[in-house]
Protein backbone atom coordinates (compact mmCIF):
# COMPACT_ATOMS: atom_id res chain seq x y z
CA MET A 1 62.16 69.75 246.97
CA LEU A 2 62.02 71.42 243.55
CA LYS A 3 64.48 69.95 241.07
CA THR A 4 63.59 71.79 237.85
CA GLY A 5 62.31 75.14 236.74
CA ILE A 6 62.48 78.20 238.99
CA LEU A 7 64.05 77.17 242.29
CA ASN A 8 63.81 80.57 244.02
CA PRO A 9 60.75 80.44 246.31
CA GLN A 10 60.20 84.20 246.25
CA ILE A 11 60.12 84.26 242.45
CA ASN A 12 57.79 81.24 242.38
CA PHE A 13 55.44 82.98 244.83
CA LEU A 14 55.54 86.18 242.79
CA LEU A 15 54.92 84.41 239.47
CA SER A 16 52.04 82.40 240.91
CA ARG A 17 50.16 85.64 241.65
CA VAL A 18 50.44 87.11 238.14
CA ARG A 19 47.13 86.66 236.36
CA HIS A 20 45.72 87.56 232.94
CA THR A 21 46.82 91.11 231.95
CA ASN A 22 48.82 91.62 235.16
CA THR A 23 52.37 92.84 234.69
CA LEU A 24 55.77 91.81 235.98
CA VAL A 25 58.95 93.90 235.79
CA ILE A 26 62.42 92.45 235.20
CA ALA A 27 64.94 95.19 235.87
CA ASP A 28 68.64 95.91 235.62
CA ARG A 29 70.80 96.69 238.65
CA GLY A 30 70.31 100.46 238.43
CA PHE A 31 66.51 100.48 238.28
CA PRO A 32 64.92 102.58 241.05
CA PHE A 33 63.44 100.93 244.13
CA TRP A 34 59.63 101.00 244.21
CA PRO A 35 58.51 100.56 247.84
CA MET A 36 54.87 100.03 246.83
CA ILE A 37 55.49 96.81 244.88
CA GLU A 38 57.11 93.57 245.89
CA THR A 39 60.74 93.34 244.79
CA VAL A 40 62.73 90.13 244.58
CA ASP A 41 66.37 91.17 244.34
CA ILE A 42 68.50 88.41 242.86
CA SER A 43 71.47 90.59 241.89
CA LEU A 44 74.77 89.05 242.89
CA VAL A 45 77.53 90.88 241.02
CA ASP A 46 77.67 92.79 237.73
CA ASP A 47 75.72 90.85 235.09
CA VAL A 48 74.80 87.96 237.38
CA PRO A 49 72.09 87.23 236.58
CA THR A 50 71.04 89.21 233.53
CA VAL A 51 67.57 90.29 232.44
CA LEU A 52 67.77 87.87 229.51
CA GLN A 53 68.71 84.96 231.79
CA VAL A 54 65.72 85.66 234.03
CA LEU A 55 63.45 86.00 230.99
CA ALA A 56 64.71 82.66 229.63
CA ALA A 57 64.09 80.99 232.99
CA ILE A 58 60.52 82.21 233.42
CA ARG A 59 59.36 82.08 229.81
CA PRO A 60 58.60 78.33 229.63
CA ASN A 61 55.87 78.66 232.29
CA PHE A 62 54.86 82.31 231.97
CA GLN A 63 52.51 83.25 229.14
CA ILE A 64 53.59 86.71 227.89
CA GLY A 65 51.23 88.67 225.67
CA LYS A 66 52.94 92.06 225.52
CA ALA A 67 56.20 93.62 226.64
CA TRP A 68 57.46 97.17 227.08
CA MET A 69 60.94 98.63 227.09
CA ALA A 70 62.23 102.17 227.21
CA ARG A 71 62.86 103.65 223.77
CA GLU A 72 66.28 104.73 225.08
CA PHE A 73 67.30 101.05 225.08
CA LEU A 74 67.35 101.18 221.27
CA LYS A 75 69.48 104.32 221.23
CA HIS A 76 72.07 103.34 223.84
CA ASN A 77 72.83 99.73 222.94
CA THR A 78 74.62 97.91 220.14
CA THR A 79 72.96 96.01 217.33
CA ASN A 80 74.05 92.71 218.93
CA ILE A 81 72.40 93.56 222.26
CA ARG A 82 69.21 94.76 220.57
CA ARG A 83 69.16 91.57 218.49
CA ALA A 84 69.59 89.35 221.58
CA PHE A 85 66.56 90.97 223.20
CA ALA A 86 64.54 90.68 219.97
CA VAL A 87 65.33 86.96 219.76
CA ALA A 88 64.47 86.40 223.44
CA LEU A 89 61.15 88.24 222.99
CA HIS A 90 60.28 86.62 219.64
CA GLY A 91 56.54 86.20 219.22
CA ILE A 92 55.67 88.77 221.88
CA GLU A 93 53.98 92.06 220.99
CA MET A 94 56.73 94.60 221.76
CA HIS A 95 56.36 98.30 222.60
CA HIS A 96 59.10 100.90 223.06
CA GLU A 97 58.20 104.13 224.81
CA PRO A 98 60.03 107.02 226.50
CA HIS A 99 61.71 105.96 229.75
CA VAL A 100 59.56 108.38 231.75
CA LYS A 101 56.36 106.78 230.44
CA PHE A 102 57.83 103.30 230.95
CA LYS A 103 58.47 104.05 234.63
CA GLN A 104 54.88 105.26 235.04
CA ARG A 105 53.72 101.69 234.30
CA VAL A 106 55.83 100.17 237.09
CA PRO A 107 53.56 100.87 240.12
CA GLY A 108 50.80 98.82 238.49
CA ALA A 109 52.96 95.68 238.37
CA ILE A 110 52.41 92.70 240.66
CA GLY A 111 56.13 92.68 241.35
CA LEU A 112 59.67 93.38 240.22
CA ILE A 113 62.66 91.08 239.82
CA ARG A 114 65.92 93.03 240.10
CA THR A 115 68.95 91.52 238.36
CA GLY A 116 72.63 92.39 238.19
CA ASP A 117 72.37 93.40 234.52
CA THR A 118 74.58 96.31 233.45
CA ILE A 119 73.04 96.81 229.99
CA GLN A 120 71.66 100.33 229.82
CA ASN A 121 67.83 100.43 229.97
CA ALA A 122 67.63 96.62 229.92
CA ASN A 123 64.33 96.72 231.80
CA LEU A 124 61.22 94.84 230.75
CA ILE A 125 57.59 95.08 231.72
CA LEU A 126 55.85 91.85 230.80
CA GLU A 127 52.08 91.55 230.56
CA SER A 128 50.68 88.08 231.03
CA ALA A 129 48.43 86.80 228.28
């Protein structure tokens, strides 16, 4: 029985298949469903869990080289929210692009973890290093 780290077996299975330069999506509750990629839905209620909580849980054992977010995230969120994401992604090469272009990257991902996050455009695409 696992006692530390990620306890969810579906997330462990998904993470174990992400290799060098593969991508993983962590999405908010409103992100569209993508039938062509594996989705692990861990949303429970509004903001449980959040994108940042999932990022914090996987980061110790997941080498992230680059990350993408929609440019609209910067426009629609407060300084405090933007700062929290910047701190959580410290040391990672960050890219912001139009939401339409961001969504075009999604089908190439190994999988998607859907959260209960209600922060507008709080979606991340993480590329493993």
